[in-house]
């Protein structure tokens, strides 16, 4: 008999193979990697390689690489803003509290 995803997940949680916290952590990392991959695509779409972007921002190529691998929690807002502006965009940060949203510059 074939198990549904819900059944397999329920059994894995019940057996202790995985935890809700572990699932949430893994999901957060996957989302960060997807967002970072999108940054890479945007950089490439404007015809810049990592070295060129790093020179424009005055940071190392390895820092660009870390940002594009999803290391956003350890990146200053000013660096993300400069990264975005170098690609021709603008950075928006949104605070969400329940149904309320506040967009910061």
Protein backbone atom coordinates (compact mmCIF):
# COMPACT_ATOMS: atom_id res chain seq x y z
CA UNK A 1 0.00 0.00 0.00
CA UNK A 2 1.26 3.46 -0.89
CA UNK A 3 1.50 6.06 1.87
CA UNK A 4 0.42 9.62 1.43
CA UNK A 5 2.87 12.40 2.27
CA UNK A 6 0.74 13.29 5.29
CA UNK A 7 0.92 9.70 6.60
CA UNK A 8 4.68 9.50 6.13
CA UNK A 9 5.18 12.86 7.84
CA UNK A 10 2.95 11.90 10.76
CA UNK A 11 4.87 8.64 11.26
CA UNK A 12 8.25 10.37 11.05
CA UNK A 13 7.19 12.92 13.67
CA UNK A 14 5.71 10.23 15.93
CA UNK A 15 8.86 8.11 15.74
CA UNK A 16 11.12 11.06 16.53
CA UNK A 17 12.95 10.84 13.19
CA UNK A 18 12.08 14.48 12.61
CA UNK A 19 10.72 17.31 14.73
CA UNK A 20 8.51 20.26 13.88
CA UNK A 21 11.40 22.56 14.81
CA UNK A 22 13.72 20.66 12.49
CA UNK A 23 11.21 20.85 9.66
CA UNK A 24 10.81 24.61 10.19
CA UNK A 25 14.58 25.12 10.27
CA UNK A 26 15.09 23.10 7.09
CA UNK A 27 12.29 25.02 5.37
CA UNK A 28 13.81 28.38 6.37
CA UNK A 29 17.18 27.32 4.94
CA UNK A 30 15.57 26.18 1.70
CA UNK A 31 13.70 29.48 1.33
CA UNK A 32 16.94 31.41 1.96
CA UNK A 33 18.72 29.37 -0.73
CA UNK A 34 15.91 30.01 -3.22
CA UNK A 35 15.97 33.75 -2.55
CA UNK A 36 19.74 33.81 -2.83
CA UNK A 37 19.56 31.93 -6.12
CA UNK A 38 17.22 34.62 -7.39
CA UNK A 39 19.82 37.26 -6.46
CA UNK A 40 22.33 35.35 -8.59
CA UNK A 41 19.90 35.30 -11.51
CA UNK A 42 19.28 39.05 -11.17
CA UNK A 43 23.03 39.77 -11.08
CA UNK A 44 23.59 37.70 -14.19
CA UNK A 45 20.65 39.35 -15.96
CA UNK A 46 22.39 42.73 -15.76
CA UNK A 47 25.61 41.24 -17.12
CA UNK A 48 27.75 41.36 -13.98
CA UNK A 49 29.91 38.60 -12.59
CA UNK A 50 30.69 38.33 -8.88
CA UNK A 51 34.08 40.04 -9.22
CA UNK A 52 32.60 43.03 -11.04
CA UNK A 53 29.80 43.44 -8.51
CA UNK A 54 32.24 43.11 -5.62
CA UNK A 55 34.41 45.90 -7.08
CA UNK A 56 31.35 48.15 -7.46
CA UNK A 57 30.41 47.56 -3.83
CA UNK A 58 33.92 47.67 -2.40
CA UNK A 59 33.62 44.22 -0.86
CA UNK A 60 35.22 40.87 -1.59
CA UNK A 61 34.04 38.43 -4.24
CA UNK A 62 33.75 35.82 -1.49
CA UNK A 63 31.23 38.07 0.31
CA UNK A 64 29.13 38.26 -2.86
CA UNK A 65 29.32 34.47 -3.04
CA UNK A 66 28.14 34.10 0.57
CA UNK A 67 25.21 36.46 -0.06
CA UNK A 68 24.25 34.48 -3.16
CA UNK A 69 24.40 31.24 -1.15
CA UNK A 70 21.82 32.58 1.28
CA UNK A 71 23.95 34.08 4.06
CA UNK A 72 21.59 37.02 4.47
CA UNK A 73 21.26 36.92 8.26
CA UNK A 74 24.89 37.99 8.59
CA UNK A 75 24.70 40.72 5.95
CA UNK A 76 24.24 44.37 6.81
CA UNK A 77 21.21 46.15 5.41
CA UNK A 78 23.54 48.72 3.81
CA UNK A 79 25.31 45.93 1.91
CA UNK A 80 22.02 44.48 0.68
CA UNK A 81 20.87 47.96 -0.34
CA UNK A 82 24.12 48.58 -2.28
CA UNK A 83 23.86 45.11 -3.88
CA UNK A 84 20.32 45.87 -5.01
CA UNK A 85 21.13 49.36 -6.26
CA UNK A 86 24.12 48.06 -8.24
CA UNK A 87 21.65 45.85 -10.11
CA UNK A 88 19.38 48.83 -10.80
CA UNK A 89 16.80 48.06 -8.14
CA UNK A 90 15.85 49.24 -4.69
CA UNK A 91 15.69 47.39 -1.40
CA UNK A 92 12.44 47.31 0.56
CA UNK A 93 12.11 45.83 4.01
CA UNK A 94 8.62 45.03 5.23
CA UNK A 95 7.63 44.53 8.85
CA UNK A 96 4.56 42.30 9.25
CA UNK A 97 2.65 42.22 12.52
CA UNK A 98 -0.56 40.27 12.15
CA UNK A 99 -2.54 42.00 9.41
CA UNK A 100 -0.47 45.17 9.65
CA UNK A 101 2.44 45.85 7.30
CA UNK A 102 5.02 48.60 7.45
CA UNK A 103 7.47 49.07 4.60
CA UNK A 104 10.78 50.58 5.63
CA UNK A 105 12.99 52.41 3.12
